[in-house]
Amino acid sequence: MKAYRAVVSAIAGVLLLAGCGGDGGGSAGDADRSRAPGGTGSAKGSWKIVHIDKRGSGTVEAVTAAADDDIWAAGTDQGVARPDPYLLRYDGTTWRRTPLPAALGGRVSQPRLDASGPDNVWLHGVAPAGGSRIARWDGTRWRAVPKPPVEGAVGSLRAFAPDDVWALVGGRAAHWDGARWTVTSLPAVASRLDGSSGDHVWAVGYRDSGPGVGGAGGEQTQPAAMRWDARARAWKLTPTPAFRFPDPVPPEPGASLDGVLAVSRDEVWAYGVHSFDHGETPTGPATERVLLRWDGARWRQEPDADTDPCLSRPPVAHDGAGGLLLERHRFRTADGSCRKVPWQRLPATGAVTSGGKQQLWFEGVARVPGTKRFVGGGKVYVMQSGNPLVLPVVAVFEP
């Protein structure tokens, strides 16, 4: 089982989108008057870089949009003795870089962001000694938020309102009501959480008992999708398709869900893999992609999860009008057509040479509220002889 989980983690990794100012929230620090998201400088139909730090080396690790003129990102410099995460904020005109807020209580790694509006931006990260540090921007200043009363670091957080925030931590779910955390148990192991509203929240992962586990197929795990039942104040498993490899069954097979995207009450996407311990056999069936869709009544397996040019890639965001943005620069329109999203390469200026190859990678993507635009945070790899570069960037795309 341990070997199987290692294989799943490795595959999930491959599937990934392949300053002073203190509590002022951007009132001081380094300013950059880059092109505005959605303004006259951004072209429709392609990713366009709107912020780039050519002085540094690293990546923008997280991004969220509180409003069209209020976008936040968090990045980490590389190539220094003590890499410190930092914040970026776009105010409608300027990108400004500041250190992480003092309210966070110290340094963190893996900074993450989420927001429901300009007065409710959440920032969390892993503390050096373990656990999480959490802070909330209330529209005026950053304020410290206590960590949930359970061991472990926050792995997934979704903010719906200042008094309605869900997080996964230590194998359990925690809810913030504006004053305190309430921790609830989950009926299966969860890896990711999302929702379309505070009363329509999903957690996905895997279960190691119940239908499809064990038996002739020897499956050690099956996908698990859990929905919060506000009336019962409990998480409940919903039936999901079971997976089984044909005979001869490979060693330690299992299926799990690694991510979830909630579009509405009647449209939720969950994705993962069906794999096995490849280290125990030189041959075996191909790893299967798991893509499930909730239609308001039941979960169904999408039949083209391994072949469709869009649905073979995990969905990461929606445009609010039926369109889906998927990993590795694909966009699926409301009518089901799929297209590759181009991006505008960096010009050959400064340290960027004309002969170098460039790749744009995102660590996080969010939709700008009230629009069909997406904002992505990540990095551009510039592969060139003698001076390869990894430049942190923020980019926007409007279908």
Protein backbone atom coordinates (compact mmCIF):
# COMPACT_ATOMS: atom_id res chain seq x y z
CA MET A 1 0.00 0.00 0.00
CA LYS A 2 2.84 2.36 0.83
CA ALA A 3 4.39 1.78 -2.61
CA TYR A 4 1.05 2.43 -4.32
CA ARG A 5 0.62 5.77 -2.54
CA ALA A 6 4.13 6.78 -3.59
CA VAL A 7 3.26 6.04 -7.22
CA VAL A 8 0.05 8.08 -6.97
CA SER A 9 1.92 11.02 -5.42
CA ALA A 10 4.51 10.96 -8.20
CA ILE A 11 1.84 10.91 -10.88
CA ALA A 12 -0.05 13.75 -9.19
CA GLY A 13 3.17 15.77 -9.26
CA VAL A 14 3.53 15.20 -12.99
CA LEU A 15 -0.08 16.31 -13.49
CA LEU A 16 0.55 19.63 -11.76
CA LEU A 17 0.25 22.66 -14.01
CA ALA A 18 2.71 21.16 -16.52
CA GLY A 19 10.12 43.86 0.48
CA CYS A 20 8.94 46.35 3.68
CA GLY A 21 5.31 47.08 4.28
CA GLY A 22 4.36 44.82 7.13
CA ASP A 23 0.61 44.75 7.66
CA GLY A 24 0.08 47.50 5.15
CA GLY A 25 -0.90 44.99 2.48
CA GLY A 26 1.15 46.66 -0.22
CA SER A 27 1.32 50.20 1.04
CA ALA A 28 5.09 50.10 0.72
CA GLY A 29 7.71 48.05 -1.07
CA ASP A 30 8.73 47.59 -4.68
CA ALA A 31 6.18 48.83 -7.19
CA ASP A 32 5.86 47.58 -10.76
CA ARG A 33 3.56 49.32 -13.22
CA SER A 34 3.10 46.26 -15.39
CA ARG A 35 0.17 45.79 -17.73
CA ALA A 36 -3.16 45.66 -15.96
CA PRO A 37 -5.17 42.42 -15.88
CA GLY A 38 -7.98 42.79 -18.38
CA GLY A 39 -6.98 46.28 -19.39
CA THR A 40 -6.13 47.48 -22.85
CA GLY A 41 -2.73 45.84 -22.60
CA SER A 42 -4.02 42.27 -22.29
CA ALA A 43 -4.95 40.32 -25.40
CA LYS A 44 -7.91 37.97 -25.48
CA GLY A 45 -7.39 34.38 -26.48
CA SER A 46 -3.91 33.89 -25.04
CA TRP A 47 -2.00 34.06 -21.77
CA LYS A 48 -0.30 37.40 -21.42
CA ILE A 49 2.29 38.09 -18.74
CA VAL A 50 1.31 41.13 -16.69
CA HIS A 51 3.98 40.96 -14.00
CA ILE A 52 7.51 39.57 -14.12
CA ASP A 53 10.43 39.95 -11.74
CA LYS A 54 13.52 39.87 -13.96
CA ARG A 55 15.72 40.68 -10.97
CA GLY A 56 14.89 37.48 -9.14
CA SER A 57 14.75 33.75 -9.65
CA GLY A 58 11.91 31.63 -8.36
CA THR A 59 8.21 31.17 -8.73
CA VAL A 60 4.86 32.67 -7.86
CA GLU A 61 3.35 29.87 -5.79
CA ALA A 62 -0.21 31.07 -5.23
CA VAL A 63 -2.69 33.58 -6.61
CA THR A 64 -6.21 34.73 -5.79
CA ALA A 65 -8.47 37.50 -7.05
CA ALA A 66 -10.62 39.42 -4.57
CA ALA A 67 -11.87 41.79 -7.29
CA ASP A 68 -10.96 43.01 -10.76
CA ASP A 69 -8.67 45.63 -9.21
CA ASP A 70 -7.57 43.62 -6.16
CA ILE A 71 -5.39 40.61 -6.98
CA TRP A 72 -3.01 38.93 -4.56
CA ALA A 73 -0.13 36.52 -5.18
CA ALA A 74 2.58 34.90 -3.09
CA GLY A 75 6.02 33.93 -4.34
CA THR A 76 9.34 32.58 -3.16
CA ASP A 77 12.81 33.61 -4.30
CA GLN A 78 15.32 30.90 -5.13
CA GLY A 79 19.09 30.87 -5.30
CA VAL A 80 19.52 32.68 -1.99
CA ALA A 81 20.77 31.39 1.36
CA ARG A 82 17.43 32.00 3.08
CA PRO A 83 14.57 32.07 0.60
CA ASP A 84 11.74 34.19 1.99
CA PRO A 85 8.22 34.14 0.60
CA TYR A 86 6.72 37.50 -0.33
CA LEU A 87 3.39 39.01 -1.31
CA LEU A 88 2.37 40.71 -4.53
CA ARG A 89 -0.70 42.90 -4.79
CA TYR A 90 -2.32 44.51 -7.81
CA ASP A 91 -4.50 47.54 -6.99
CA GLY A 92 -5.85 48.29 -10.44
CA THR A 93 -2.74 50.13 -11.59
CA THR A 94 0.38 48.79 -9.91
CA TRP A 95 1.86 45.51 -8.80
CA ARG A 96 3.58 45.99 -5.45
CA ARG A 97 5.82 43.55 -3.62
CA THR A 98 6.03 43.38 0.20
CA PRO A 99 7.20 40.84 2.78
CA LEU A 100 4.69 38.48 4.30
CA PRO A 101 2.60 40.31 6.93
CA ALA A 102 3.76 40.40 10.54
CA ALA A 103 0.34 39.05 11.55
CA LEU A 104 1.37 35.70 10.08
CA GLY A 105 3.71 35.30 13.04
CA GLY A 106 6.90 34.35 11.22
CA ARG A 107 8.29 32.63 8.16
CA VAL A 108 6.39 29.95 6.28
CA SER A 109 6.92 27.72 3.29
CA GLN A 110 4.36 26.80 0.63
CA PRO A 111 2.32 30.03 0.96
CA ARG A 112 -1.29 29.72 -0.23
CA LEU A 113 -4.09 32.25 -0.80
CA ASP A 114 -7.85 32.32 -1.13
CA ALA A 115 -10.43 35.12 -1.10
CA SER A 116 -14.16 35.72 -1.25
CA GLY A 117 -13.89 39.49 -1.62
CA PRO A 118 -11.72 42.55 -0.89
CA ASP A 119 -12.43 42.25 2.85
CA ASN A 120 -11.72 38.53 3.12
CA VAL A 121 -8.33 37.39 1.82
CA TRP A 122 -6.72 34.41 3.55
CA LEU A 123 -3.02 33.58 3.60
CA HIS A 124 -1.57 30.43 5.13
CA GLY A 125 1.64 28.45 4.99
CA VAL A 126 3.62 25.73 6.73
CA ALA A 127 5.58 26.85 9.81
CA PRO A 128 9.23 25.71 10.18
CA ALA A 129 8.37 23.48 13.15
CA GLY A 130 5.26 22.08 11.48
CA GLY A 131 1.65 23.08 11.54
CA SER A 132 0.30 26.20 9.87
CA ARG A 133 0.37 29.94 10.29
CA ILE A 134 -2.73 31.80 9.10
CA ALA A 135 -3.64 35.46 8.56
CA ARG A 136 -6.66 37.26 7.11
CA TRP A 137 -6.84 40.60 5.27
CA ASP A 138 -10.03 42.40 6.38
CA GLY A 139 -9.86 45.13 3.75
CA THR A 140 -7.69 47.38 5.92
CA ARG A 141 -5.07 45.27 7.64
CA TRP A 142 -3.82 41.74 8.16
CA ARG A 143 -4.99 39.99 11.31
CA ALA A 144 -3.70 36.76 12.83
CA VAL A 145 -6.03 33.76 12.77
CA PRO A 146 -5.42 30.87 15.18
CA LYS A 147 -4.64 27.56 13.58
CA PRO A 148 -7.25 24.79 13.83
CA PRO A 149 -6.99 22.78 17.08
CA VAL A 150 -5.63 19.65 15.43
CA GLU A 151 -2.11 18.44 14.60
CA GLY A 152 -0.85 19.02 11.08
CA ALA A 153 -0.69 21.74 8.47
CA VAL A 154 -3.58 23.12 6.46
CA GLY A 155 -3.52 21.34 3.13
CA SER A 156 -6.51 22.93 1.45
CA LEU A 157 -8.53 26.03 2.40
CA ARG A 158 -11.63 27.60 0.86
CA ALA A 159 -12.97 30.97 2.03
CA PHE A 160 -16.63 31.71 1.28
CA ALA A 161 -17.15 34.61 3.72
CA PRO A 162 -15.34 36.12 6.74
CA ASP A 163 -17.38 33.78 8.95
CA ASP A 164 -17.49 30.78 6.62
CA VAL A 165 -14.14 29.13 5.85
CA TRP A 166 -13.36 25.43 5.41
CA ALA A 167 -9.94 23.78 5.66
CA LEU A 168 -8.45 20.29 5.58
CA VAL A 169 -5.88 19.65 8.28
CA GLY A 170 -4.51 16.55 9.97
CA GLY A 171 -6.94 14.23 8.18
CA ARG A 172 -9.97 16.18 9.40
CA ALA A 173 -12.10 19.11 8.26
CA ALA A 174 -12.18 22.41 10.14
CA HIS A 175 -14.72 25.23 9.84
CA TRP A 176 -14.12 28.88 10.83
CA ASP A 177 -17.26 30.77 11.92
CA GLY A 178 -15.61 34.16 12.37
CA ALA A 179 -14.50 33.48 15.93
CA ARG A 180 -13.32 29.90 16.25
CA TRP A 181 -12.60 26.64 14.45
CA THR A 182 -14.87 23.62 14.72
CA VAL A 183 -13.24 20.33 13.73
CA THR A 184 -15.26 17.49 12.19
CA SER A 185 -14.29 13.95 11.23
CA LEU A 186 -14.24 12.69 7.65
CA PRO A 187 -15.50 9.24 6.63
CA ALA A 188 -12.51 8.72 4.28
CA VAL A 189 -9.06 10.12 3.60
CA ALA A 190 -9.28 13.57 1.94
CA SER A 191 -6.66 15.32 -0.18
CA ARG A 192 -8.51 18.39 -1.51
CA LEU A 193 -11.53 20.55 -0.74
CA ASP A 194 -13.68 22.92 -2.77
CA GLY A 195 -17.23 24.23 -2.94
CA SER A 196 -19.54 26.52 -4.89
CA SER A 197 -20.90 28.05 -1.67
CA GLY A 198 -20.55 27.67 2.07
CA ASP A 199 -23.38 25.13 2.23
CA HIS A 200 -22.22 23.15 -0.81
CA VAL A 201 -18.73 21.88 0.04
CA TRP A 202 -16.91 18.76 -1.16
CA ALA A 203 -13.81 16.91 0.04
CA VAL A 204 -12.26 14.20 -2.13
CA GLY A 205 -9.62 11.51 -1.65
CA TYR A 206 -9.85 7.75 -1.21
CA ARG A 207 -11.41 5.06 0.97
CA ASP A 208 -9.87 1.70 1.89
CA SER A 209 -13.08 -0.17 2.69
CA GLY A 210 -16.53 -0.62 1.20
CA PRO A 211 -17.68 -1.48 -2.34
CA GLY A 212 -14.89 -2.27 -4.80
CA VAL A 213 -12.15 -2.69 -2.17
CA GLY A 214 -10.56 -6.14 -1.87
CA GLY A 215 -12.23 -9.14 -3.44
CA ALA A 216 -11.20 -10.64 -6.75
CA GLY A 217 -9.78 -7.39 -8.09
CA GLY A 218 -7.59 -6.81 -5.06
CA GLU A 219 -8.13 -3.06 -5.20
CA GLN A 220 -6.73 -1.48 -2.05
CA THR A 221 -8.46 1.88 -2.46
CA GLN A 222 -11.36 3.44 -4.35
CA PRO A 223 -12.21 7.11 -5.00
CA ALA A 224 -14.00 8.93 -2.19
CA ALA A 225 -16.18 12.03 -2.53
CA MET A 226 -17.59 13.50 0.68
CA ARG A 227 -20.23 16.22 0.91
CA TRP A 228 -20.94 18.41 3.91
CA ASP A 229 -24.49 17.88 5.20
CA ALA A 230 -25.32 21.13 7.01
CA ARG A 231 -28.50 19.74 8.59
CA ALA A 232 -26.79 16.68 10.03
CA ARG A 233 -23.59 18.68 10.64
CA ALA A 234 -21.55 15.79 9.28
CA TRP A 235 -19.61 14.75 6.20
CA LYS A 236 -21.22 12.00 4.17
CA LEU A 237 -19.79 9.74 1.49
CA THR A 238 -21.54 9.81 -1.87
CA PRO A 239 -21.40 6.75 -4.16
CA THR A 240 -18.66 6.96 -6.79
CA PRO A 241 -17.71 4.61 -9.64
CA ALA A 242 -15.40 1.76 -8.64
CA PHE A 243 -12.31 0.83 -10.64
CA ARG A 244 -10.75 -2.56 -11.35
CA PHE A 245 -7.89 -3.70 -13.55
CA PRO A 246 -8.55 -6.72 -15.80
CA ASP A 247 -6.88 -10.02 -15.04
CA PRO A 248 -4.07 -10.58 -14.45
CA VAL A 249 -4.43 -7.97 -11.74
CA PRO A 250 -1.22 -5.95 -11.13
CA PRO A 251 0.22 -5.69 -7.59
CA GLU A 252 -1.31 -3.28 -5.07
CA PRO A 253 -3.88 -1.63 -7.34
CA GLY A 254 -5.89 1.33 -6.16
CA ALA A 255 -7.76 4.44 -7.26
CA SER A 256 -7.95 7.85 -5.60
CA LEU A 257 -9.01 11.45 -6.22
CA ASP A 258 -6.39 14.19 -5.97
CA GLY A 259 -8.40 17.31 -6.77
CA VAL A 260 -11.87 18.81 -7.06
CA LEU A 261 -13.39 21.81 -8.86
CA ALA A 262 -16.88 22.89 -7.79
CA VAL A 263 -18.60 24.93 -10.52
CA SER A 264 -22.14 24.89 -9.12
CA ARG A 265 -24.48 22.65 -7.13
CA ASP A 266 -25.09 20.61 -10.26
CA GLU A 267 -21.56 20.58 -11.68
CA VAL A 268 -18.55 19.35 -9.75
CA TRP A 269 -15.42 17.79 -11.27
CA ALA A 270 -13.11 15.44 -9.39
CA TYR A 271 -9.92 13.93 -10.78
CA GLY A 272 -7.22 11.45 -9.84
CA VAL A 273 -5.58 8.21 -10.95
CA HIS A 274 -6.06 4.44 -10.98
CA SER A 275 -2.63 2.87 -10.64
CA PHE A 276 -0.59 0.12 -8.97
CA ASP A 277 2.89 -0.62 -7.64
CA HIS A 278 4.99 -0.40 -10.80
CA GLY A 279 8.10 -1.39 -8.85
CA GLU A 280 6.88 -4.95 -8.37
CA THR A 281 6.33 -5.80 -12.05
CA PRO A 282 8.15 -4.77 -15.24
CA THR A 283 4.90 -4.90 -17.20
CA GLY A 284 1.30 -4.10 -16.49
CA PRO A 285 -1.69 -2.10 -17.65
CA ALA A 286 -1.45 1.60 -18.28
CA THR A 287 -2.22 3.96 -15.43
CA GLU A 288 -5.76 5.27 -15.88
CA ARG A 289 -6.85 8.85 -15.34
CA VAL A 290 -9.91 9.18 -13.16
CA LEU A 291 -12.28 12.03 -14.04
CA LEU A 292 -15.66 12.11 -12.31
CA ARG A 293 -18.48 14.60 -12.82
CA TRP A 294 -21.29 15.32 -10.38
CA ASP A 295 -24.54 16.28 -12.13
CA GLY A 296 -26.53 17.19 -9.03
CA ALA A 297 -27.69 13.63 -8.43
CA ARG A 298 -24.78 11.25 -9.00
CA TRP A 299 -21.13 10.88 -9.93
CA ARG A 300 -20.30 9.58 -13.41
CA GLN A 301 -16.96 8.65 -14.90
CA GLU A 302 -16.16 10.72 -17.99
CA PRO A 303 -15.54 8.13 -20.74
CA ASP A 304 -12.84 10.13 -22.54
CA ALA A 305 -10.61 10.85 -19.55
CA ASP A 306 -7.64 9.14 -21.24
CA THR A 307 -8.14 10.36 -24.81
CA ASP A 308 -9.96 13.71 -24.95
CA PRO A 309 -7.46 16.56 -25.61
CA CYS A 310 -9.06 18.62 -22.81
CA LEU A 311 -10.67 16.14 -20.40
CA SER A 312 -7.48 14.08 -20.21
CA ARG A 313 -6.08 17.00 -18.18
CA PRO A 314 -7.31 17.98 -14.71
CA PRO A 315 -9.62 21.03 -14.66
CA VAL A 316 -8.30 23.90 -12.55
CA ALA A 317 -10.82 26.75 -12.92
CA HIS A 318 -14.08 27.71 -14.63
CA ASP A 319 -15.15 30.93 -16.30
CA GLY A 320 -18.67 31.07 -14.82
CA ALA A 321 -20.23 30.57 -18.25
CA GLY A 322 -19.69 26.88 -18.94
CA GLY A 323 -16.03 27.05 -19.95
CA LEU A 324 -13.30 25.06 -18.21
CA LEU A 325 -9.60 25.85 -17.95
CA LEU A 326 -7.49 22.72 -17.72
CA GLU A 327 -3.86 22.03 -16.95
CA ARG A 328 -1.13 22.55 -19.52
CA HIS A 329 -2.87 25.39 -21.32
CA ARG A 330 -6.11 23.88 -22.55
CA PHE A 331 -9.55 25.52 -22.56
CA ARG A 332 -12.84 23.67 -23.05
CA THR A 333 -15.73 25.83 -24.19
CA ALA A 334 -19.33 25.47 -23.04
CA ASP A 335 -20.16 23.48 -26.20
CA GLY A 336 -17.37 20.97 -25.48
CA SER A 337 -14.80 22.08 -28.04
CA CYS A 338 -11.16 22.08 -26.94
CA ARG A 339 -8.33 24.40 -27.86
CA LYS A 340 -4.78 25.02 -26.78
CA VAL A 341 -4.20 28.41 -25.18
CA PRO A 342 -1.05 30.10 -26.54
CA TRP A 343 1.06 32.49 -24.54
CA GLN A 344 3.21 35.43 -25.54
CA ARG A 345 6.90 34.65 -25.10
CA LEU A 346 9.29 36.98 -23.32
CA PRO A 347 11.14 39.28 -25.71
CA ALA A 348 14.89 38.85 -26.16
CA THR A 349 15.98 41.66 -23.87
CA GLY A 350 18.39 41.79 -20.97
CA ALA A 351 19.40 38.29 -19.87
CA VAL A 352 16.81 36.62 -22.15
CA THR A 353 18.42 35.56 -25.43
CA SER A 354 16.66 35.03 -28.75
CA GLY A 355 17.86 31.43 -29.08
CA GLY A 356 16.51 30.17 -25.76
CA LYS A 357 13.46 27.96 -25.44
CA GLN A 358 10.74 29.12 -23.05
CA GLN A 359 8.08 27.30 -21.03
CA LEU A 360 5.29 28.80 -18.92
CA TRP A 361 4.28 26.81 -15.83
CA PHE A 362 1.54 27.69 -13.34
CA GLU A 363 1.40 26.78 -9.67
CA GLY A 364 -2.06 28.29 -9.21
CA VAL A 365 -4.92 29.77 -11.25
CA ALA A 366 -8.00 31.73 -10.18
CA ARG A 367 -10.90 33.44 -11.92
CA VAL A 368 -11.26 37.20 -11.57
CA PRO A 369 -14.68 37.82 -9.95
CA GLY A 370 -17.34 39.28 -12.20
CA THR A 371 -15.41 38.43 -15.36
CA LYS A 372 -14.44 35.49 -17.56
CA ARG A 373 -10.75 36.25 -17.04
CA PHE A 374 -8.27 33.97 -15.33
CA VAL A 375 -5.12 34.99 -13.49
CA GLY A 376 -2.28 32.51 -13.10
CA GLY A 377 0.84 32.55 -10.95
CA GLY A 378 3.95 30.56 -11.73
CA LYS A 379 7.22 30.83 -13.62
CA VAL A 380 8.80 31.01 -17.04
CA TYR A 381 11.68 28.66 -17.71
CA VAL A 382 14.16 30.18 -20.15
CA MET A 383 16.38 27.33 -21.34
CA GLN A 384 19.41 28.94 -22.92
CA SER A 385 23.09 28.17 -23.09
CA GLY A 386 25.21 29.57 -20.26
CA ASN A 387 22.48 31.39 -18.38
CA PRO A 388 19.23 29.46 -17.86
CA LEU A 389 16.57 31.48 -16.06
CA VAL A 390 13.56 30.77 -13.86
CA LEU A 391 11.52 33.97 -13.69
CA PRO A 392 8.47 34.42 -11.42
CA VAL A 393 5.44 35.67 -13.36
CA VAL A 394 1.75 36.50 -13.15
CA ALA A 395 -0.30 36.15 -16.35
CA VAL A 396 -3.91 36.71 -17.41
CA PHE A 397 -6.11 34.97 -19.97
CA GLU A 398 -9.59 35.75 -21.25
CA PRO A 399 -11.23 33.22 -23.58
